[in-house]
PDB file of all heavy atoms in Angstrom:
ATOM      1  N   VAL A   1     -18.812  -3.314  -2.361  1.00  0.00           N
ATOM      2  CA  VAL A   1     -18.470  -3.251  -0.945  1.00  0.00           C
ATOM      3  C   VAL A   1     -17.949  -4.631  -0.565  1.00  0.00           C
ATOM      4  O   VAL A   1     -18.533  -5.656  -0.934  1.00  0.00           O
ATOM      5  CB  VAL A   1     -19.711  -2.871  -0.108  1.00  0.00           C
ATOM      6  CG1 VAL A   1     -19.418  -2.988   1.379  1.00  0.00           C
ATOM      7  CG2 VAL A   1     -20.172  -1.464  -0.463  1.00  0.00           C
ATOM      8  N   THR A   2     -16.815  -4.661   0.141  1.00  0.00           N
ATOM      9  CA  THR A   2     -16.154  -5.926   0.465  1.00  0.00           C
ATOM     10  C   THR A   2     -15.791  -5.948   1.937  1.00  0.00           C
ATOM     11  O   THR A   2     -15.285  -4.961   2.473  1.00  0.00           O
ATOM     12  CB  THR A   2     -14.874  -6.089  -0.390  1.00  0.00           C
ATOM     13  OG1 THR A   2     -15.225  -5.930  -1.767  1.00  0.00           O
ATOM     14  CG2 THR A   2     -14.238  -7.437  -0.197  1.00  0.00           C
ATOM     15  N   VAL A   3     -16.034  -7.075   2.588  1.00  0.00           N
ATOM     16  CA  VAL A   3     -15.661  -7.227   3.997  1.00  0.00           C
ATOM     17  C   VAL A   3     -14.145  -7.410   4.056  1.00  0.00           C
ATOM     18  O   VAL A   3     -13.598  -8.331   3.423  1.00  0.00           O
ATOM     19  CB  VAL A   3     -16.380  -8.430   4.648  1.00  0.00           C
ATOM     20  CG1 VAL A   3     -15.899  -8.646   6.076  1.00  0.00           C
ATOM     21  CG2 VAL A   3     -17.893  -8.220   4.606  1.00  0.00           C
ATOM     22  N   PRO A   4     -13.457  -6.546   4.800  1.00  0.00           N
ATOM     23  CA  PRO A   4     -11.994  -6.635   4.851  1.00  0.00           C
ATOM     24  C   PRO A   4     -11.532  -7.712   5.832  1.00  0.00           C
ATOM     25  O   PRO A   4     -12.308  -8.161   6.677  1.00  0.00           O
ATOM     26  CB  PRO A   4     -11.596  -5.249   5.374  1.00  0.00           C
ATOM     27  CG  PRO A   4     -12.721  -4.886   6.298  1.00  0.00           C
ATOM     28  CD  PRO A   4     -13.967  -5.431   5.607  1.00  0.00           C
ATOM     29  N   PRO A   5     -10.253  -8.080   5.730  1.00  0.00           N
ATOM     30  CA  PRO A   5      -9.690  -8.956   6.756  1.00  0.00           C
ATOM     31  C   PRO A   5      -9.583  -8.194   8.077  1.00  0.00           C
ATOM     32  O   PRO A   5      -9.808  -6.976   8.122  1.00  0.00           O
ATOM     33  CB  PRO A   5      -8.302  -9.301   6.205  1.00  0.00           C
ATOM     34  CG  PRO A   5      -7.975  -8.193   5.271  1.00  0.00           C
ATOM     35  CD  PRO A   5      -9.273  -7.698   4.718  1.00  0.00           C
ATOM     36  N   LYS A   6      -9.213  -8.880   9.137  1.00  0.00           N
ATOM     37  CA  LYS A   6      -9.102  -8.266  10.466  1.00  0.00           C
ATOM     38  C   LYS A   6      -8.167  -7.068  10.447  1.00  0.00           C
ATOM     39  O   LYS A   6      -8.420  -6.047  11.082  1.00  0.00           O
ATOM     40  CB  LYS A   6      -8.615  -9.311  11.481  1.00  0.00           C
ATOM     41  CG  LYS A   6      -8.556  -8.806  12.901  1.00  0.00           C
ATOM     42  CD  LYS A   6      -8.173  -9.910  13.872  1.00  0.00           C
ATOM     43  CE  LYS A   6      -8.146  -9.377  15.292  1.00  0.00           C
ATOM     44  NZ  LYS A   6      -7.812 -10.445  16.251  1.00  0.00           N
ATOM     45  N   TYR A   7      -7.038  -7.199   9.720  1.00  0.00           N
ATOM     46  CA  TYR A   7      -6.065  -6.111   9.633  1.00  0.00           C
ATOM     47  C   TYR A   7      -5.679  -5.838   8.184  1.00  0.00           C
ATOM     48  O   TYR A   7      -5.538  -6.756   7.385  1.00  0.00           O
ATOM     49  CB  TYR A   7      -4.781  -6.445  10.406  1.00  0.00           C
ATOM     50  CG  TYR A   7      -5.005  -6.586  11.889  1.00  0.00           C
ATOM     51  CD1 TYR A   7      -4.951  -7.836  12.489  1.00  0.00           C
ATOM     52  CD2 TYR A   7      -5.279  -5.474  12.676  1.00  0.00           C
ATOM     53  CE1 TYR A   7      -5.165  -7.984  13.857  1.00  0.00           C
ATOM     54  CE2 TYR A   7      -5.501  -5.607  14.046  1.00  0.00           C
ATOM     55  CZ  TYR A   7      -5.439  -6.858  14.624  1.00  0.00           C
ATOM     56  OH  TYR A   7      -5.662  -6.989  15.971  1.00  0.00           O
ATOM     57  N   LEU A   8      -5.502  -4.564   7.883  1.00  0.00           N
ATOM     58  CA  LEU A   8      -4.905  -4.118   6.633  1.00  0.00           C
ATOM     59  C   LEU A   8      -3.740  -3.212   7.007  1.00  0.00           C
ATOM     60  O   LEU A   8      -3.547  -2.898   8.188  1.00  0.00           O
ATOM     61  CB  LEU A   8      -5.933  -3.373   5.767  1.00  0.00           C
ATOM     62  CG  LEU A   8      -7.044  -4.242   5.183  1.00  0.00           C
ATOM     63  CD1 LEU A   8      -8.144  -3.381   4.579  1.00  0.00           C
ATOM     64  CD2 LEU A   8      -6.484  -5.202   4.130  1.00  0.00           C
ATOM     65  N   TYR A   9      -2.962  -2.779   6.018  1.00  0.00           N
ATOM     66  CA  TYR A   9      -1.738  -2.023   6.298  1.00  0.00           C
ATOM     67  C   TYR A   9      -1.635  -0.800   5.399  1.00  0.00           C
ATOM     68  O   TYR A   9      -2.098  -0.810   4.257  1.00  0.00           O
ATOM     69  CB  TYR A   9      -0.518  -2.933   6.116  1.00  0.00           C
ATOM     70  CG  TYR A   9      -0.621  -4.144   7.024  1.00  0.00           C
ATOM     71  CD1 TYR A   9      -1.247  -5.308   6.584  1.00  0.00           C
ATOM     72  CD2 TYR A   9      -0.158  -4.094   8.328  1.00  0.00           C
ATOM     73  CE1 TYR A   9      -1.398  -6.395   7.416  1.00  0.00           C
ATOM     74  CE2 TYR A   9      -0.301  -5.182   9.180  1.00  0.00           C
ATOM     75  CZ  TYR A   9      -0.926  -6.327   8.718  1.00  0.00           C
ATOM     76  OH  TYR A   9      -1.084  -7.399   9.558  1.00  0.00           O
ATOM     77  N   HIS A  10      -1.009   0.226   5.932  1.00  0.00           N
ATOM     78  CA  HIS A  10      -0.803   1.455   5.168  1.00  0.00           C
ATOM     79  C   HIS A  10       0.670   1.847   5.273  1.00  0.00           C
ATOM     80  O   HIS A  10       1.175   2.070   6.368  1.00  0.00           O
ATOM     81  CB  HIS A  10      -1.675   2.587   5.712  1.00  0.00           C
ATOM     82  CG  HIS A  10      -1.515   3.866   4.946  1.00  0.00           C
ATOM     83  ND1 HIS A  10      -2.137   4.075   3.733  1.00  0.00           N
ATOM     84  CD2 HIS A  10      -0.785   4.982   5.196  1.00  0.00           C
ATOM     85  CE1 HIS A  10      -1.808   5.284   3.288  1.00  0.00           C
ATOM     86  NE2 HIS A  10      -0.989   5.842   4.151  1.00  0.00           N
ATOM     87  N   GLY A  11       1.336   1.904   4.128  1.00  0.00           N
ATOM     88  CA  GLY A  11       2.726   2.322   4.093  1.00  0.00           C
ATOM     89  C   GLY A  11       2.825   3.790   3.730  1.00  0.00           C
ATOM     90  O   GLY A  11       2.107   4.274   2.848  1.00  0.00           O
ATOM     91  N   THR A  12       3.703   4.492   4.408  1.00  0.00           N
ATOM     92  CA  THR A  12       3.916   5.904   4.141  1.00  0.00           C
ATOM     93  C   THR A  12       5.342   6.271   4.535  1.00  0.00           C
ATOM     94  O   THR A  12       6.116   5.420   4.945  1.00  0.00           O
ATOM     95  CB  THR A  12       2.864   6.769   4.891  1.00  0.00           C
ATOM     96  OG1 THR A  12       2.952   8.111   4.431  1.00  0.00           O
ATOM     97  CG2 THR A  12       3.061   6.704   6.393  1.00  0.00           C
ATOM     98  N   GLY A  13       5.675   7.543   4.425  1.00  0.00           N
ATOM     99  CA  GLY A  13       7.001   8.006   4.801  1.00  0.00           C
ATOM    100  C   GLY A  13       7.030   8.474   6.252  1.00  0.00           C
ATOM    101  O   GLY A  13       6.029   8.965   6.781  1.00  0.00           O
ATOM    102  N   GLN A  14       8.180   8.324   6.879  1.00  0.00           N
ATOM    103  CA  GLN A  14       8.380   8.740   8.271  1.00  0.00           C
ATOM    104  C   GLN A  14       7.940  10.189   8.483  1.00  0.00           C
ATOM    105  O   GLN A  14       7.386  10.532   9.523  1.00  0.00           O
ATOM    106  CB  GLN A  14       9.869   8.579   8.636  1.00  0.00           C
ATOM    107  CG  GLN A  14      10.247   9.067  10.020  1.00  0.00           C
ATOM    108  CD  GLN A  14       9.706   8.182  11.125  1.00  0.00           C
ATOM    109  OE1 GLN A  14       9.778   6.960  11.028  1.00  0.00           O
ATOM    110  NE2 GLN A  14       9.171   8.780  12.165  1.00  0.00           N
ATOM    111  N   LYS A  15       8.136  11.031   7.473  1.00  0.00           N
ATOM    112  CA  LYS A  15       7.815  12.455   7.600  1.00  0.00           C
ATOM    113  C   LYS A  15       6.327  12.720   7.832  1.00  0.00           C
ATOM    114  O   LYS A  15       5.947  13.813   8.246  1.00  0.00           O
ATOM    115  CB  LYS A  15       8.307  13.219   6.371  1.00  0.00           C
ATOM    116  CG  LYS A  15       7.694  12.755   5.063  1.00  0.00           C
ATOM    117  CD  LYS A  15       8.356  13.394   3.863  1.00  0.00           C
ATOM    118  CE  LYS A  15       7.892  12.742   2.570  1.00  0.00           C
ATOM    119  NZ  LYS A  15       8.686  13.144   1.434  1.00  0.00           N
ATOM    120  N   TYR A  16       5.452  11.729   7.592  1.00  0.00           N
ATOM    121  CA  TYR A  16       4.018  11.922   7.757  1.00  0.00           C
ATOM    122  C   TYR A  16       3.468  11.384   9.083  1.00  0.00           C
ATOM    123  O   TYR A  16       2.281  11.531   9.362  1.00  0.00           O
ATOM    124  CB  TYR A  16       3.251  11.272   6.595  1.00  0.00           C
ATOM    125  CG  TYR A  16       3.630  11.835   5.251  1.00  0.00           C
ATOM    126  CD1 TYR A  16       4.248  11.043   4.294  1.00  0.00           C
ATOM    127  CD2 TYR A  16       3.384  13.169   4.947  1.00  0.00           C
ATOM    128  CE1 TYR A  16       4.604  11.561   3.058  1.00  0.00           C
ATOM    129  CE2 TYR A  16       3.745  13.696   3.713  1.00  0.00           C
ATOM    130  CZ  TYR A  16       4.348  12.885   2.783  1.00  0.00           C
ATOM    131  OH  TYR A  16       4.712  13.391   1.564  1.00  0.00           O
ATOM    132  N   VAL A  17       4.318  10.754   9.892  1.00  0.00           N
ATOM    133  CA  VAL A  17       3.870  10.100  11.122  1.00  0.00           C
ATOM    134  C   VAL A  17       3.168  11.079  12.068  1.00  0.00           C
ATOM    135  O   VAL A  17       2.081  10.784  12.587  1.00  0.00           O
ATOM    136  CB  VAL A  17       5.047   9.382  11.830  1.00  0.00           C
ATOM    137  CG1 VAL A  17       4.686   8.967  13.245  1.00  0.00           C
ATOM    138  CG2 VAL A  17       5.478   8.171  11.011  1.00  0.00           C
ATOM    139  N   GLU A  18       3.756  12.230  12.301  1.00  0.00           N
ATOM    140  CA  GLU A  18       3.162  13.189  13.241  1.00  0.00           C
ATOM    141  C   GLU A  18       1.743  13.577  12.803  1.00  0.00           C
ATOM    142  O   GLU A  18       0.808  13.584  13.600  1.00  0.00           O
ATOM    143  CB  GLU A  18       4.045  14.436  13.354  1.00  0.00           C
ATOM    144  CG  GLU A  18       3.548  15.435  14.377  1.00  0.00           C
ATOM    145  CD  GLU A  18       4.411  16.687  14.437  1.00  0.00           C
ATOM    146  OE1 GLU A  18       5.646  16.576  14.291  1.00  0.00           O
ATOM    147  OE2 GLU A  18       3.831  17.768  14.621  1.00  0.00           O
ATOM    148  N   SER A  19       1.588  13.872  11.534  1.00  0.00           N
ATOM    149  CA  SER A  19       0.274  14.258  11.004  1.00  0.00           C
ATOM    150  C   SER A  19      -0.725  13.103  11.104  1.00  0.00           C
ATOM    151  O   SER A  19      -1.873  13.297  11.512  1.00  0.00           O
ATOM    152  CB  SER A  19       0.420  14.703   9.550  1.00  0.00           C
ATOM    153  OG  SER A  19      -0.837  14.935   8.969  1.00  0.00           O
ATOM    154  N   ILE A  20      -0.306  11.901  10.750  1.00  0.00           N
ATOM    155  CA  ILE A  20      -1.197  10.731  10.806  1.00  0.00           C
ATOM    156  C   ILE A  20      -1.587  10.435  12.246  1.00  0.00           C
ATOM    157  O   ILE A  20      -2.751  10.128  12.532  1.00  0.00           O
ATOM    158  CB  ILE A  20      -0.537   9.506  10.134  1.00  0.00           C
ATOM    159  CG1 ILE A  20      -0.430   9.748   8.622  1.00  0.00           C
ATOM    160  CG2 ILE A  20      -1.317   8.224  10.430  1.00  0.00           C
ATOM    161  CD1 ILE A  20       0.424   8.740   7.883  1.00  0.00           C
ATOM    162  N   ASN A  21      -0.634  10.545  13.159  1.00  0.00           N
ATOM    163  CA  ASN A  21      -0.942  10.286  14.564  1.00  0.00           C
ATOM    164  C   ASN A  21      -1.943  11.300  15.121  1.00  0.00           C
ATOM    165  O   ASN A  21      -2.644  11.017  16.089  1.00  0.00           O
ATOM    166  CB  ASN A  21       0.328  10.297  15.413  1.00  0.00           C
ATOM    167  CG  ASN A  21       1.196   9.073  15.156  1.00  0.00           C
ATOM    168  OD1 ASN A  21       0.754   8.094  14.552  1.00  0.00           O
ATOM    169  ND2 ASN A  21       2.432   9.141  15.604  1.00  0.00           N
ATOM    170  N   ARG A  22      -2.017  12.450  14.504  1.00  0.00           N
ATOM    171  CA  ARG A  22      -2.943  13.496  14.933  1.00  0.00           C
ATOM    172  C   ARG A  22      -4.287  13.401  14.211  1.00  0.00           C
ATOM    173  O   ARG A  22      -5.343  13.514  14.828  1.00  0.00           O
ATOM    174  CB  ARG A  22      -2.292  14.863  14.680  1.00  0.00           C
ATOM    175  CG  ARG A  22      -2.858  16.001  15.473  1.00  0.00           C
ATOM    176  CD  ARG A  22      -2.079  17.308  15.305  1.00  0.00           C
ATOM    177  NE  ARG A  22      -2.111  17.789  13.918  1.00  0.00           N
ATOM    178  CZ  ARG A  22      -1.055  17.794  13.090  1.00  0.00           C
ATOM    179  NH1 ARG A  22       0.114  17.375  13.505  1.00  0.00           N
ATOM    180  NH2 ARG A  22      -1.162  18.232  11.852  1.00  0.00           N
ATOM    181  N   LEU A  23      -4.255  13.172  12.885  1.00  0.00           N
ATOM    182  CA  LEU A  23      -5.459  13.247  12.059  1.00  0.00           C
ATOM    183  C   LEU A  23      -6.009  11.898  11.602  1.00  0.00           C
ATOM    184  O   LEU A  23      -7.116  11.833  11.069  1.00  0.00           O
ATOM    185  CB  LEU A  23      -5.168  14.072  10.797  1.00  0.00           C
ATOM    186  CG  LEU A  23      -4.670  15.501  10.990  1.00  0.00           C
ATOM    187  CD1 LEU A  23      -4.266  16.106   9.659  1.00  0.00           C
ATOM    188  CD2 LEU A  23      -5.744  16.335  11.670  1.00  0.00           C
ATOM    189  N   GLY A  24      -5.224  10.845  11.745  1.00  0.00           N
ATOM    190  CA  GLY A  24      -5.588   9.568  11.148  1.00  0.00           C
ATOM    191  C   GLY A  24      -5.207   9.581   9.680  1.00  0.00           C
ATOM    192  O   GLY A  24      -4.483  10.470   9.212  1.00  0.00           O
ATOM    193  N   LEU A  25      -5.674   8.595   8.945  1.00  0.00           N
ATOM    194  CA  LEU A  25      -5.408   8.534   7.506  1.00  0.00           C
ATOM    195  C   LEU A  25      -6.557   9.196   6.769  1.00  0.00           C
ATOM    196  O   LEU A  25      -7.713   8.814   6.947  1.00  0.00           O
ATOM    197  CB  LEU A  25      -5.251   7.088   7.033  1.00  0.00           C
ATOM    198  CG  LEU A  25      -4.081   6.309   7.619  1.00  0.00           C
ATOM    199  CD1 LEU A  25      -4.150   4.842   7.194  1.00  0.00           C
ATOM    200  CD2 LEU A  25      -2.763   6.921   7.188  1.00  0.00           C
TER     201      LEU A  25
END
């Protein structure tokens, strides 16, 4: 178990934005 930095990032395709905005990652 590791303490993360303040922010991390997730790269994906534009086609998944609607689903992610609804369900999260």
